[in-house]
All heavy atoms as atom14 arrays in JSON, in Angstrom:
{
  "sequence": "YSLPVNLLNKIHAKKASIFLQGQNLFTITNNYDMVLDPETMNS",
  "atom14_mask": [
    [1, 1, 1, 1, 1, 1, 1, 1, 1, 1, 1, 1, 0, 0],
    [1, 1, 1, 1, 1, 1, 0, 0, 0, 0, 0, 0, 0, 0],
    [1, 1, 1, 1, 1, 1, 1, 1, 0, 0, 0, 0, 0, 0],
    [1, 1, 1, 1, 1, 1, 1, 0, 0, 0, 0, 0, 0, 0],
    [1, 1, 1, 1, 1, 1, 1, 0, 0, 0, 0, 0, 0, 0],
    [1, 1, 1, 1, 1, 1, 1, 1, 0, 0, 0, 0, 0, 0],
    [1, 1, 1, 1, 1, 1, 1, 1, 0, 0, 0, 0, 0, 0],
    [1, 1, 1, 1, 1, 1, 1, 1, 0, 0, 0, 0, 0, 0],
    [1, 1, 1, 1, 1, 1, 1, 1, 0, 0, 0, 0, 0, 0],
    [1, 1, 1, 1, 1, 1, 1, 1, 1, 0, 0, 0, 0, 0],
    [1, 1, 1, 1, 1, 1, 1, 1, 0, 0, 0, 0, 0, 0],
    [1, 1, 1, 1, 1, 1, 1, 1, 1, 1, 0, 0, 0, 0],
    [1, 1, 1, 1, 1, 0, 0, 0, 0, 0, 0, 0, 0, 0],
    [1, 1, 1, 1, 1, 1, 1, 1, 1, 0, 0, 0, 0, 0],
    [1, 1, 1, 1, 1, 1, 1, 1, 1, 0, 0, 0, 0, 0],
    [1, 1, 1, 1, 1, 0, 0, 0, 0, 0, 0, 0, 0, 0],
    [1, 1, 1, 1, 1, 1, 0, 0, 0, 0, 0, 0, 0, 0],
    [1, 1, 1, 1, 1, 1, 1, 1, 0, 0, 0, 0, 0, 0],
    [1, 1, 1, 1, 1, 1, 1, 1, 1, 1, 1, 0, 0, 0],
    [1, 1, 1, 1, 1, 1, 1, 1, 0, 0, 0, 0, 0, 0],
    [1, 1, 1, 1, 1, 1, 1, 1, 1, 0, 0, 0, 0, 0],
    [1, 1, 1, 1, 0, 0, 0, 0, 0, 0, 0, 0, 0, 0],
    [1, 1, 1, 1, 1, 1, 1, 1, 1, 0, 0, 0, 0, 0],
    [1, 1, 1, 1, 1, 1, 1, 1, 0, 0, 0, 0, 0, 0],
    [1, 1, 1, 1, 1, 1, 1, 1, 0, 0, 0, 0, 0, 0],
    [1, 1, 1, 1, 1, 1, 1, 1, 1, 1, 1, 0, 0, 0],
    [1, 1, 1, 1, 1, 1, 1, 0, 0, 0, 0, 0, 0, 0],
    [1, 1, 1, 1, 1, 1, 1, 1, 0, 0, 0, 0, 0, 0],
    [1, 1, 1, 1, 1, 1, 1, 0, 0, 0, 0, 0, 0, 0],
    [1, 1, 1, 1, 1, 1, 1, 1, 0, 0, 0, 0, 0, 0],
    [1, 1, 1, 1, 1, 1, 1, 1, 0, 0, 0, 0, 0, 0],
    [1, 1, 1, 1, 1, 1, 1, 1, 1, 1, 1, 1, 0, 0],
    [1, 1, 1, 1, 1, 1, 1, 1, 0, 0, 0, 0, 0, 0],
    [1, 1, 1, 1, 1, 1, 1, 1, 0, 0, 0, 0, 0, 0],
    [1, 1, 1, 1, 1, 1, 1, 0, 0, 0, 0, 0, 0, 0],
    [1, 1, 1, 1, 1, 1, 1, 1, 0, 0, 0, 0, 0, 0],
    [1, 1, 1, 1, 1, 1, 1, 1, 0, 0, 0, 0, 0, 0],
    [1, 1, 1, 1, 1, 1, 1, 0, 0, 0, 0, 0, 0, 0],
    [1, 1, 1, 1, 1, 1, 1, 1, 1, 0, 0, 0, 0, 0],
    [1, 1, 1, 1, 1, 1, 1, 0, 0, 0, 0, 0, 0, 0],
    [1, 1, 1, 1, 1, 1, 1, 1, 0, 0, 0, 0, 0, 0],
    [1, 1, 1, 1, 1, 1, 1, 1, 0, 0, 0, 0, 0, 0],
    [1, 1, 1, 1, 1, 1, 0, 0, 0, 0, 0, 0, 0, 0]
  ],
  "atom14_positions": [
    [[-30.17, -61.14, 22.95], [-31.16, -61.99, 23.64], [-32.48, -61.24, 23.68], [-32.56, -60.1, 24.15], [-30.69, -62.32, 25.06], [-31.73, -63.07, 25.87], [-31.98, -64.42, 25.63], [-32.46, -62.42, 26.86], [-32.92, -65.1, 26.37], [-33.41, -63.1, 27.6], [-33.65, -64.44, 27.34], [-34.6, -65.12, 28.05], [0.0, 0.0, 0.0], [0.0, 0.0, 0.0]],
    [[-33.53, -61.88, 23.18], [-34.87, -61.3, 23.17], [-35.66, -61.85, 24.35], [-35.7, -63.07, 24.58], [-35.6, -61.62, 21.86], [-34.91, -61.06, 20.76], [0.0, 0.0, 0.0], [0.0, 0.0, 0.0], [0.0, 0.0, 0.0], [0.0, 0.0, 0.0], [0.0, 0.0, 0.0], [0.0, 0.0, 0.0], [0.0, 0.0, 0.0], [0.0, 0.0, 0.0]],
    [[-36.27, -60.95, 25.09], [-37.03, -61.37, 26.26], [-38.25, -62.21, 25.84], [-38.91, -61.9, 24.85], [-37.51, -60.15, 27.06], [-36.56, -59.64, 28.15], [-35.26, -59.16, 27.55], [-37.25, -58.53, 28.96], [0.0, 0.0, 0.0], [0.0, 0.0, 0.0], [0.0, 0.0, 0.0], [0.0, 0.0, 0.0], [0.0, 0.0, 0.0], [0.0, 0.0, 0.0]],
    [[-38.55, -63.27, 26.59], [-39.72, -64.11, 26.26], [-41.02, -63.36, 26.52], [-41.05, -62.32, 27.19], [-39.55, -65.31, 27.19], [-38.72, -64.8, 28.32], [-37.8, -63.78, 27.74], [0.0, 0.0, 0.0], [0.0, 0.0, 0.0], [0.0, 0.0, 0.0], [0.0, 0.0, 0.0], [0.0, 0.0, 0.0], [0.0, 0.0, 0.0], [0.0, 0.0, 0.0]],
    [[-42.11, -63.92, 26.03], [-43.41, -63.25, 26.1], [-43.86, -63.01, 27.53], [-44.43, -61.95, 27.85], [-44.46, -64.1, 25.34], [-45.86, -63.47, 25.51], [-44.1, -64.23, 23.88], [0.0, 0.0, 0.0], [0.0, 0.0, 0.0], [0.0, 0.0, 0.0], [0.0, 0.0, 0.0], [0.0, 0.0, 0.0], [0.0, 0.0, 0.0], [0.0, 0.0, 0.0]],
    [[-43.63, -63.96, 28.44], [-44.1, -63.78, 29.82], [-43.42, -62.6, 30.51], [-44.06, -61.87, 31.28], [-43.89, -65.07, 30.63], [-42.42, -65.49, 30.66], [-41.64, -65.13, 29.77], [-42.06, -66.26, 31.67], [0.0, 0.0, 0.0], [0.0, 0.0, 0.0], [0.0, 0.0, 0.0], [0.0, 0.0, 0.0], [0.0, 0.0, 0.0], [0.0, 0.0, 0.0]],
    [[-42.13, -62.36, 30.19], [-41.46, -61.19, 30.77], [-41.92, -59.9, 30.1], [-42.03, -58.86, 30.76], [-39.94, -61.33, 30.63], [-39.29, -62.4, 31.51], [-37.78, -62.45, 31.25], [-39.56, -62.13, 32.99], [0.0, 0.0, 0.0], [0.0, 0.0, 0.0], [0.0, 0.0, 0.0], [0.0, 0.0, 0.0], [0.0, 0.0, 0.0], [0.0, 0.0, 0.0]],
    [[-42.22, -59.97, 28.8], [-42.72, -58.79, 28.11], [-44.05, -58.34, 28.68], [-44.32, -57.13, 28.82], [-42.87, -59.08, 26.61], [-41.58, -59.29, 25.82], [-41.9, -59.68, 24.37], [-40.72, -58.01, 25.83], [0.0, 0.0, 0.0], [0.0, 0.0, 0.0], [0.0, 0.0, 0.0], [0.0, 0.0, 0.0], [0.0, 0.0, 0.0], [0.0, 0.0, 0.0]],
    [[-44.89, -59.3, 29.03], [-46.2, -58.96, 29.6], [-46.05, -58.28, 30.95], [-46.82, -57.38, 31.3], [-47.06, -60.21, 29.73], [-47.45, -60.77, 28.37], [-47.53, -60.03, 27.38], [-47.68, -62.08, 28.3], [0.0, 0.0, 0.0], [0.0, 0.0, 0.0], [0.0, 0.0, 0.0], [0.0, 0.0, 0.0], [0.0, 0.0, 0.0], [0.0, 0.0, 0.0]],
    [[-45.03, -58.7, 31.72], [-44.84, -58.11, 33.04], [-44.38, -56.66, 32.96], [-44.74, -55.84, 33.82], [-43.82, -58.93, 33.84], [-44.34, -60.3, 34.25], [-43.28, -61.05, 35.06], [-43.81, -62.42, 35.49], [-42.8, -63.17, 36.29], [0.0, 0.0, 0.0], [0.0, 0.0, 0.0], [0.0, 0.0, 0.0], [0.0, 0.0, 0.0], [0.0, 0.0, 0.0]],
    [[-43.6, -56.34, 31.94], [-43.1, -54.95, 31.81], [-43.94, -54.16, 30.81], [-43.59, -53.03, 30.46], [-41.62, -54.93, 31.39], [-41.44, -55.59, 30.01], [-40.75, -55.62, 32.43], [-40.03, -55.5, 29.48], [0.0, 0.0, 0.0], [0.0, 0.0, 0.0], [0.0, 0.0, 0.0], [0.0, 0.0, 0.0], [0.0, 0.0, 0.0], [0.0, 0.0, 0.0]],
    [[-45.02, -54.79, 30.3], [-45.95, -54.13, 29.38], [-45.23, -53.61, 28.13], [-45.37, -52.45, 27.73], [-46.69, -52.98, 30.08], [-47.4, -53.38, 31.31], [-48.56, -54.14, 31.31], [-47.08, -53.16, 32.64], [-48.96, -54.35, 32.55], [-48.09, -53.78, 33.38], [0.0, 0.0, 0.0], [0.0, 0.0, 0.0], [0.0, 0.0, 0.0], [0.0, 0.0, 0.0]],
    [[-44.43, -54.49, 27.54], [-43.68, -54.13, 26.33], [-44.02, -55.11, 25.2], [-44.38, -56.27, 25.43], [-42.18, -54.16, 26.59], [0.0, 0.0, 0.0], [0.0, 0.0, 0.0], [0.0, 0.0, 0.0], [0.0, 0.0, 0.0], [0.0, 0.0, 0.0], [0.0, 0.0, 0.0], [0.0, 0.0, 0.0], [0.0, 0.0, 0.0], [0.0, 0.0, 0.0]],
    [[-43.98, -54.62, 23.98], [-44.22, -55.47, 22.83], [-42.98, -56.26, 22.41], [-43.06, -57.38, 21.95], [-44.69, -54.63, 21.65], [-46.04, -53.93, 21.87], [-46.43, -53.12, 20.65], [-47.78, -52.43, 20.85], [-48.14, -51.61, 19.66], [0.0, 0.0, 0.0], [0.0, 0.0, 0.0], [0.0, 0.0, 0.0], [0.0, 0.0, 0.0], [0.0, 0.0, 0.0]],
    [[-41.82, -55.63, 22.61], [-40.57, -56.27, 22.22], [-39.43, -55.67, 23.03], [-39.38, -54.47, 23.26], [-40.3, -56.08, 20.72], [-39.11, -56.83, 20.21], [-38.95, -56.63, 18.69], [-37.75, -57.4, 18.16], [-37.57, -57.2, 16.7], [0.0, 0.0, 0.0], [0.0, 0.0, 0.0], [0.0, 0.0, 0.0], [0.0, 0.0, 0.0], [0.0, 0.0, 0.0]],
    [[-38.51, -56.52, 23.47], [-37.35, -56.04, 24.22], [-36.19, -57.0, 24.0], [-36.38, -58.23, 23.97], [-37.67, -55.91, 25.7], [0.0, 0.0, 0.0], [0.0, 0.0, 0.0], [0.0, 0.0, 0.0], [0.0, 0.0, 0.0], [0.0, 0.0, 0.0], [0.0, 0.0, 0.0], [0.0, 0.0, 0.0], [0.0, 0.0, 0.0], [0.0, 0.0, 0.0]],
    [[-35.0, -56.45, 23.84], [-33.81, -57.29, 23.63], [-32.58, -56.59, 24.18], [-32.52, -55.36, 24.27], [-33.62, -57.6, 22.15], [-33.4, -56.42, 21.4], [0.0, 0.0, 0.0], [0.0, 0.0, 0.0], [0.0, 0.0, 0.0], [0.0, 0.0, 0.0], [0.0, 0.0, 0.0], [0.0, 0.0, 0.0], [0.0, 0.0, 0.0], [0.0, 0.0, 0.0]],
    [[-31.59, -57.4, 24.51], [-30.3, -56.93, 24.98], [-29.26, -57.39, 23.96], [-29.29, -58.55, 23.53], [-29.98, -57.47, 26.38], [-31.08, -57.1, 27.36], [-28.62, -56.97, 26.87], [-30.93, -57.79, 28.71], [0.0, 0.0, 0.0], [0.0, 0.0, 0.0], [0.0, 0.0, 0.0], [0.0, 0.0, 0.0], [0.0, 0.0, 0.0], [0.0, 0.0, 0.0]],
    [[-28.34, -56.5, 23.58], [-27.38, -56.89, 22.55], [-25.98, -56.39, 22.88], [-25.78, -55.41, 23.6], [-27.81, -56.35, 21.18], [-27.71, -54.86, 21.05], [-26.54, -54.24, 20.62], [-28.8, -54.05, 21.36], [-26.46, -52.86, 20.5], [-28.72, -52.66, 21.24], [-27.54, -52.07, 20.81], [0.0, 0.0, 0.0], [0.0, 0.0, 0.0], [0.0, 0.0, 0.0]],
    [[-25.01, -57.1, 22.35], [-23.6, -56.72, 22.42], [-23.04, -56.83, 21.01], [-23.16, -57.88, 20.37], [-22.83, -57.64, 23.36], [-21.31, -57.39, 23.46], [-21.05, -56.03, 24.07], [-20.63, -58.49, 24.26], [0.0, 0.0, 0.0], [0.0, 0.0, 0.0], [0.0, 0.0, 0.0], [0.0, 0.0, 0.0], [0.0, 0.0, 0.0], [0.0, 0.0, 0.0]],
    [[-22.46, -55.74, 20.52], [-21.97, -55.71, 19.15], [-20.52, -55.24, 19.1], [-20.14, -54.29, 19.78], [-22.82, -54.76, 18.29], [-22.42, -54.73, 16.82], [-23.23, -53.71, 16.03], [-23.15, -52.52, 16.29], [-24.03, -54.19, 15.08], [0.0, 0.0, 0.0], [0.0, 0.0, 0.0], [0.0, 0.0, 0.0], [0.0, 0.0, 0.0], [0.0, 0.0, 0.0]],
    [[-19.72, -55.93, 18.3], [-18.31, -55.57, 18.11], [-17.99, -55.36, 16.65], [-18.59, -55.99, 15.77], [0.0, 0.0, 0.0], [0.0, 0.0, 0.0], [0.0, 0.0, 0.0], [0.0, 0.0, 0.0], [0.0, 0.0, 0.0], [0.0, 0.0, 0.0], [0.0, 0.0, 0.0], [0.0, 0.0, 0.0], [0.0, 0.0, 0.0], [0.0, 0.0, 0.0]],
    [[-17.04, -54.47, 16.38], [-16.61, -54.18, 15.01], [-15.08, -54.22, 14.93], [-14.39, -53.8, 15.86], [-17.12, -52.82, 14.54], [-18.62, -52.71, 14.43], [-19.04, -51.35, 13.9], [-18.26, -50.62, 13.3], [-20.3, -50.99, 14.12], [0.0, 0.0, 0.0], [0.0, 0.0, 0.0], [0.0, 0.0, 0.0], [0.0, 0.0, 0.0], [0.0, 0.0, 0.0]],
    [[-14.58, -54.74, 13.8], [-13.13, -54.81, 13.56], [-12.42, -55.48, 14.72], [-11.48, -54.94, 15.31], [-12.55, -53.41, 13.32], [-13.2, -52.71, 12.15], [-13.39, -53.28, 11.09], [-13.57, -51.46, 12.35], [0.0, 0.0, 0.0], [0.0, 0.0, 0.0], [0.0, 0.0, 0.0], [0.0, 0.0, 0.0], [0.0, 0.0, 0.0], [0.0, 0.0, 0.0]],
    [[-12.85, -56.71, 15.03], [-12.37, -57.36, 16.25], [-10.97, -57.95, 16.08], [-10.13, -57.82, 16.97], [-13.36, -58.44, 16.68], [-14.75, -57.92, 17.0], [-15.65, -59.02, 17.5], [-14.68, -56.79, 18.02], [0.0, 0.0, 0.0], [0.0, 0.0, 0.0], [0.0, 0.0, 0.0], [0.0, 0.0, 0.0], [0.0, 0.0, 0.0], [0.0, 0.0, 0.0]],
    [[-10.69, -58.62, 14.97], [-9.32, -59.05, 14.73], [-9.12, -59.31, 13.24], [-10.07, -59.48, 12.49], [-8.95, -60.29, 15.56], [-9.66, -61.55, 15.15], [-9.15, -62.37, 14.14], [-10.83, -61.95, 15.78], [-9.79, -63.53, 13.76], [-11.48, -63.11, 15.4], [-10.96, -63.9, 14.4], [0.0, 0.0, 0.0], [0.0, 0.0, 0.0], [0.0, 0.0, 0.0]],
    [[-7.85, -59.31, 12.85], [-7.49, -59.44, 11.44], [-6.38, -60.47, 11.28], [-5.42, -60.5, 12.06], [-7.0, -58.09, 10.87], [-8.03, -57.11, 11.04], [-6.64, -58.2, 9.4], [0.0, 0.0, 0.0], [0.0, 0.0, 0.0], [0.0, 0.0, 0.0], [0.0, 0.0, 0.0], [0.0, 0.0, 0.0], [0.0, 0.0, 0.0], [0.0, 0.0, 0.0]],
    [[-6.52, -61.3, 10.26], [-5.46, -62.24, 9.86], [-4.95, -61.8, 8.5], [-5.74, -61.61, 7.57], [-6.0, -63.69, 9.78], [-6.55, -64.13, 11.15], [-4.92, -64.65, 9.32], [-7.25, -65.48, 11.11], [0.0, 0.0, 0.0], [0.0, 0.0, 0.0], [0.0, 0.0, 0.0], [0.0, 0.0, 0.0], [0.0, 0.0, 0.0], [0.0, 0.0, 0.0]],
    [[-3.63, -61.59, 8.38], [-3.07, -61.1, 7.12], [-1.71, -61.73, 6.88], [-1.07, -62.24, 7.8], [-2.95, -59.57, 7.14], [-2.36, -59.11, 5.93], [-2.09, -59.1, 8.31], [0.0, 0.0, 0.0], [0.0, 0.0, 0.0], [0.0, 0.0, 0.0], [0.0, 0.0, 0.0], [0.0, 0.0, 0.0], [0.0, 0.0, 0.0], [0.0, 0.0, 0.0]],
    [[-1.27, -61.68, 5.63], [0.05, -62.19, 5.26], [1.12, -61.12, 5.36], [2.27, -61.35, 5.0], [0.02, -62.76, 3.84], [-0.26, -61.69, 2.79], [-0.86, -60.66, 3.09], [0.17, -61.91, 1.56], [0.0, 0.0, 0.0], [0.0, 0.0, 0.0], [0.0, 0.0, 0.0], [0.0, 0.0, 0.0], [0.0, 0.0, 0.0], [0.0, 0.0, 0.0]],
    [[0.77, -59.93, 5.85], [1.72, -58.82, 5.93], [1.68, -58.18, 7.32], [1.28, -57.03, 7.49], [1.42, -57.76, 4.86], [1.95, -58.17, 3.5], [3.14, -58.09, 3.22], [1.05, -58.62, 2.64], [0.0, 0.0, 0.0], [0.0, 0.0, 0.0], [0.0, 0.0, 0.0], [0.0, 0.0, 0.0], [0.0, 0.0, 0.0], [0.0, 0.0, 0.0]],
    [[2.12, -58.95, 8.32], [2.13, -58.42, 9.68], [3.18, -57.34, 9.88], [3.13, -56.6, 10.84], [2.36, -59.55, 10.68], [1.14, -60.41, 10.89], [1.05, -61.67, 10.32], [0.07, -59.95, 11.64], [-0.07, -62.46, 10.51], [-1.06, -60.73, 11.83], [-1.12, -61.98, 11.27], [-2.24, -62.75, 11.44], [0.0, 0.0, 0.0], [0.0, 0.0, 0.0]],
    [[4.18, -57.26, 8.96], [5.22, -56.26, 9.13], [4.84, -54.92, 8.5], [5.6, -53.96, 8.54], [6.54, -56.74, 8.52], [6.41, -57.05, 7.03], [5.28, -57.29, 6.58], [7.44, -57.05, 6.33], [0.0, 0.0, 0.0], [0.0, 0.0, 0.0], [0.0, 0.0, 0.0], [0.0, 0.0, 0.0], [0.0, 0.0, 0.0], [0.0, 0.0, 0.0]],
    [[3.64, -54.84, 7.91], [3.23, -53.59, 7.28], [2.85, -52.56, 8.33], [2.24, -52.88, 9.35], [2.04, -53.82, 6.34], [2.39, -54.5, 5.04], [0.96, -54.62, 3.95], [0.57, -52.91, 3.7], [0.0, 0.0, 0.0], [0.0, 0.0, 0.0], [0.0, 0.0, 0.0], [0.0, 0.0, 0.0], [0.0, 0.0, 0.0], [0.0, 0.0, 0.0]],
    [[3.2, -51.31, 8.06], [2.82, -50.22, 8.96], [1.42, -49.71, 8.65], [0.84, -48.95, 9.4], [3.86, -49.09, 8.86], [3.77, -48.38, 7.52], [3.7, -48.09, 10.0], [0.0, 0.0, 0.0], [0.0, 0.0, 0.0], [0.0, 0.0, 0.0], [0.0, 0.0, 0.0], [0.0, 0.0, 0.0], [0.0, 0.0, 0.0], [0.0, 0.0, 0.0]],
    [[0.85, -50.14, 7.52], [-0.46, -49.65, 7.08], [-1.54, -50.68, 7.34], [-1.3, -51.88, 7.38], [-0.41, -49.31, 5.59], [0.65, -48.32, 5.15], [0.59, -48.12, 3.64], [0.48, -46.99, 5.85], [0.0, 0.0, 0.0], [0.0, 0.0, 0.0], [0.0, 0.0, 0.0], [0.0, 0.0, 0.0], [0.0, 0.0, 0.0], [0.0, 0.0, 0.0]],
    [[-2.77, -50.19, 7.49], [-3.91, -51.07, 7.63], [-4.15, -51.78, 6.3], [-4.19, -51.13, 5.24], [-5.15, -50.26, 8.02], [-6.39, -51.12, 8.14], [-6.53, -51.77, 9.18], [-7.18, -51.15, 7.19], [0.0, 0.0, 0.0], [0.0, 0.0, 0.0], [0.0, 0.0, 0.0], [0.0, 0.0, 0.0], [0.0, 0.0, 0.0], [0.0, 0.0, 0.0]],
    [[-4.3, -53.12, 6.27], [-4.42, -53.83, 4.99], [-5.69, -53.52, 4.21], [-5.74, -53.76, 3.0], [-4.39, -55.31, 5.42], [-4.85, -55.31, 6.84], [-4.35, -54.03, 7.42], [0.0, 0.0, 0.0], [0.0, 0.0, 0.0], [0.0, 0.0, 0.0], [0.0, 0.0, 0.0], [0.0, 0.0, 0.0], [0.0, 0.0, 0.0], [0.0, 0.0, 0.0]],
    [[-6.7, -52.98, 4.87], [-7.95, -52.66, 4.17], [-7.91, -51.27, 3.56], [-8.24, -51.09, 2.38], [-9.13, -52.76, 5.13], [-10.47, -52.43, 4.49], [-11.62, -52.49, 5.46], [-11.4, -52.86, 6.64], [-12.76, -52.17, 5.06], [0.0, 0.0, 0.0], [0.0, 0.0, 0.0], [0.0, 0.0, 0.0], [0.0, 0.0, 0.0], [0.0, 0.0, 0.0]],
    [[-7.5, -50.28, 4.32], [-7.53, -48.9, 3.85], [-6.18, -48.39, 3.37], [-6.12, -47.34, 2.75], [-8.01, -47.97, 4.98], [-7.06, -48.02, 6.06], [-9.38, -48.41, 5.49], [0.0, 0.0, 0.0], [0.0, 0.0, 0.0], [0.0, 0.0, 0.0], [0.0, 0.0, 0.0], [0.0, 0.0, 0.0], [0.0, 0.0, 0.0], [0.0, 0.0, 0.0]],
    [[-5.1, -49.13, 3.66], [-3.73, -48.69, 3.35], [-3.47, -47.32, 3.99], [-2.79, -46.48, 3.43], [-3.49, -48.66, 1.84], [-3.47, -50.03, 1.21], [-2.29, -51.16, 1.96], [-0.75, -50.43, 1.48], [0.0, 0.0, 0.0], [0.0, 0.0, 0.0], [0.0, 0.0, 0.0], [0.0, 0.0, 0.0], [0.0, 0.0, 0.0], [0.0, 0.0, 0.0]],
    [[-4.03, -47.14, 5.18], [-3.83, -45.92, 5.95], [-3.0, -46.25, 7.17], [-3.07, -47.36, 7.71], [-5.2, -45.34, 6.36], [-5.1, -43.92, 6.87], [-4.41, -43.64, 7.85], [-5.79, -43.02, 6.21], [0.0, 0.0, 0.0], [0.0, 0.0, 0.0], [0.0, 0.0, 0.0], [0.0, 0.0, 0.0], [0.0, 0.0, 0.0], [0.0, 0.0, 0.0]],
    [[-2.2, -45.29, 7.63], [-1.36, -45.54, 8.79], [-2.17, -45.68, 10.08], [-1.67, -46.22, 11.06], [-0.32, -44.43, 8.94], [-0.94, -43.17, 9.07], [0.0, 0.0, 0.0], [0.0, 0.0, 0.0], [0.0, 0.0, 0.0], [0.0, 0.0, 0.0], [0.0, 0.0, 0.0], [0.0, 0.0, 0.0], [0.0, 0.0, 0.0], [0.0, 0.0, 0.0]]
  ]
}
């Protein structure tokens, strides 16, 4: 979410944003019984 211009002026900022980022959140595969990761083939 990027702060609108009126809030930026109040805090004297050119740009401000809040973010939430996730990685490797879930996987769908045809081999749920595998002991290895389907991408890296690592345990």
